[in-house]
Protein backbone atom coordinates (compact mmCIF):
# COMPACT_ATOMS: atom_id res chain seq x y z
CA UNK A 1 10.72 -10.64 -10.36
CA UNK A 2 11.37 -6.82 -11.49
CA UNK A 3 13.40 -4.07 -10.15
CA UNK A 4 12.24 -0.57 -10.69
CA UNK A 5 13.44 2.71 -10.17
CA UNK A 6 12.21 5.87 -10.32
CA UNK A 7 15.05 7.58 -10.81
CA UNK A 8 16.57 5.80 -13.97
CA UNK A 9 17.53 7.99 -16.41
CA UNK A 10 17.21 11.05 -14.67
CA UNK A 11 20.82 11.19 -12.69
CA UNK A 12 23.54 13.26 -14.16
CA UNK A 13 27.26 11.31 -14.21
CA UNK A 14 25.67 8.17 -13.59
CA UNK A 15 26.41 5.50 -16.52
CA UNK A 16 22.68 4.28 -18.13
CA UNK A 17 24.38 0.92 -18.94
CA UNK A 18 25.76 0.76 -14.56
CA UNK A 19 21.75 1.71 -14.16
CA UNK A 20 20.91 -1.07 -15.89
CA UNK A 21 22.97 -4.02 -14.96
CA UNK A 22 22.24 -2.75 -10.69
CA UNK A 23 19.06 -3.62 -11.77
CA UNK A 24 20.08 -7.07 -13.42
CA UNK A 25 22.11 -7.77 -10.60
CA UNK A 26 19.51 -7.15 -7.81
CA UNK A 27 16.65 -8.70 -9.92
CA UNK A 28 18.82 -11.82 -10.00
CA UNK A 29 19.50 -11.44 -5.77
CA UNK A 30 16.26 -11.96 -5.07
CA UNK A 31 15.42 -14.23 -7.70
CA UNK A 32 18.17 -16.66 -6.64
CA UNK A 33 18.49 -15.72 -3.11
CA UNK A 34 14.83 -15.48 -2.08
CA UNK A 35 12.27 -16.13 -4.93
CA UNK A 36 13.33 -19.41 -5.86
CA UNK A 37 14.36 -21.15 -2.21
CA UNK A 38 10.47 -20.76 -2.08
CA UNK A 39 8.47 -23.68 -2.30
CA UNK A 40 5.38 -22.92 -4.30
CA UNK A 41 3.71 -26.17 -4.48
CA UNK A 42 1.26 -25.73 -1.94
CA UNK A 43 0.22 -22.28 -4.23
CA UNK A 44 -1.03 -25.25 -7.12
CA UNK A 45 -4.85 -26.70 -6.74
CA UNK A 46 -4.37 -28.08 -10.33
CA UNK A 47 -0.64 -28.89 -10.97
CA UNK A 48 -0.08 -27.16 -14.60
CA UNK A 49 -3.27 -26.40 -14.50
CA UNK A 50 -4.61 -23.64 -11.89
CA UNK A 51 -2.25 -22.08 -9.08
CA UNK A 52 -1.63 -18.99 -7.51
CA UNK A 53 1.17 -17.17 -9.21
CA UNK A 54 3.78 -15.13 -6.99
CA UNK A 55 4.92 -11.67 -8.74
CA UNK A 56 7.04 -9.05 -6.50
CA UNK A 57 7.88 -5.97 -8.06
CA UNK A 58 10.10 -3.84 -6.93
CA UNK A 59 10.12 0.32 -7.19
CA UNK A 60 12.70 2.38 -5.39
CA UNK A 61 11.36 6.33 -4.81
CA UNK A 62 15.22 7.26 -5.14
CA UNK A 63 18.52 6.11 -6.77
CA UNK A 64 18.24 1.90 -7.01
CA UNK A 65 22.43 1.34 -4.90
CA UNK A 66 22.73 -2.51 -4.40
CA UNK A 67 23.71 -1.23 -0.19
CA UNK A 68 19.44 -1.57 -0.49
CA UNK A 69 19.05 -5.18 -1.32
CA UNK A 70 18.66 -5.35 2.91
CA UNK A 71 15.87 -3.44 2.36
CA UNK A 72 14.58 -4.62 -0.49
CA UNK A 73 14.51 -8.25 1.12
CA UNK A 74 12.67 -7.22 4.25
CA UNK A 75 10.38 -5.20 2.40
CA UNK A 76 9.59 -8.59 0.28
CA UNK A 77 9.22 -10.89 3.58
CA UNK A 78 6.96 -8.27 5.27
CA UNK A 79 4.68 -7.96 1.87
CA UNK A 80 4.89 -12.29 1.60
CA UNK A 81 3.81 -12.27 6.02
CA UNK A 82 0.40 -9.83 5.13
CA UNK A 83 -0.52 -11.33 1.87
CA UNK A 84 -4.26 -12.67 1.96
CA UNK A 85 -5.28 -15.18 -0.88
CA UNK A 86 -8.88 -15.89 -1.02
CA UNK A 87 -10.00 -19.11 -0.57
CA UNK A 88 -11.59 -20.42 -3.46
CA UNK A 89 -12.63 -24.55 -4.85
CA UNK A 90 -12.23 -26.27 -7.75
CA UNK A 91 -14.23 -28.84 -9.19
CA UNK A 92 -14.15 -30.61 -12.85
CA UNK A 93 -16.62 -30.36 -14.63
CA UNK A 94 -17.10 -33.85 -15.90
CA UNK A 95 -18.81 -33.00 -19.29
CA UNK A 96 -15.99 -30.04 -20.59
CA UNK A 97 -13.90 -32.03 -18.16
CA UNK A 98 -12.63 -28.24 -17.68
CA UNK A 99 -12.22 -26.35 -14.32
CA UNK A 100 -14.69 -24.20 -12.54
CA UNK A 101 -13.37 -21.84 -9.69
CA UNK A 102 -15.09 -20.58 -7.22
CA UNK A 103 -14.45 -18.32 -4.62
CA UNK A 104 -15.08 -18.94 -2.03
CA UNK A 105 -16.41 -15.12 0.00
CA UNK A 106 -15.69 -14.11 3.46
CA UNK A 107 -12.63 -17.17 3.58
CA UNK A 108 -9.74 -15.16 3.48
CA UNK A 109 -6.23 -17.36 4.02
CA UNK A 110 -2.47 -15.70 4.61
CA UNK A 111 0.32 -16.85 2.52
CA UNK A 112 1.44 -18.30 5.49
CA UNK A 113 -1.25 -21.63 5.62
CA UNK A 114 0.68 -22.56 2.19
CA UNK A 115 4.10 -22.52 3.21
CA UNK A 116 6.48 -22.00 6.02
CA UNK A 117 7.17 -18.16 6.64
CA UNK A 118 10.23 -19.75 8.16
CA UNK A 119 12.09 -20.96 5.16
CA UNK A 120 11.49 -17.25 3.62
CA UNK A 121 14.97 -15.70 3.31
CA UNK A 122 15.97 -12.58 3.93
CA UNK A 123 18.62 -10.89 2.29
CA UNK A 124 22.15 -9.63 4.68
CA UNK A 125 25.02 -7.30 3.72
CA UNK A 126 27.94 -7.97 5.47
CA UNK A 127 30.72 -5.77 5.34
CA UNK A 128 34.02 -4.05 7.23
CA UNK A 129 34.68 -0.71 7.72
């Protein structure tokens, strides 16, 4: 997970160290409570050798604030829900023992074919006024 903001370093009156801490806190929350709970084993074709890698990059067009975590969480879940992955076939070459990967044209899978989207958490902030 990477988290960044277009306003980073361009806001007067806001400490750069404080902004860096907000970005690191957001990254930690997203990794721990959204990405880690996802069972990524089904994304592996050959464990330890060939698998889909799940990267999440968050770029906020305004000054990133902790209250945005809910919106970012929903955005990540929505992006995952709509993610399409090409179907592949994997075969091991009997001579070299290397794995050969072929993308099967016109056969697209969704992330739901690999992971249960009902188990992908969202972050909800609750406050008292």
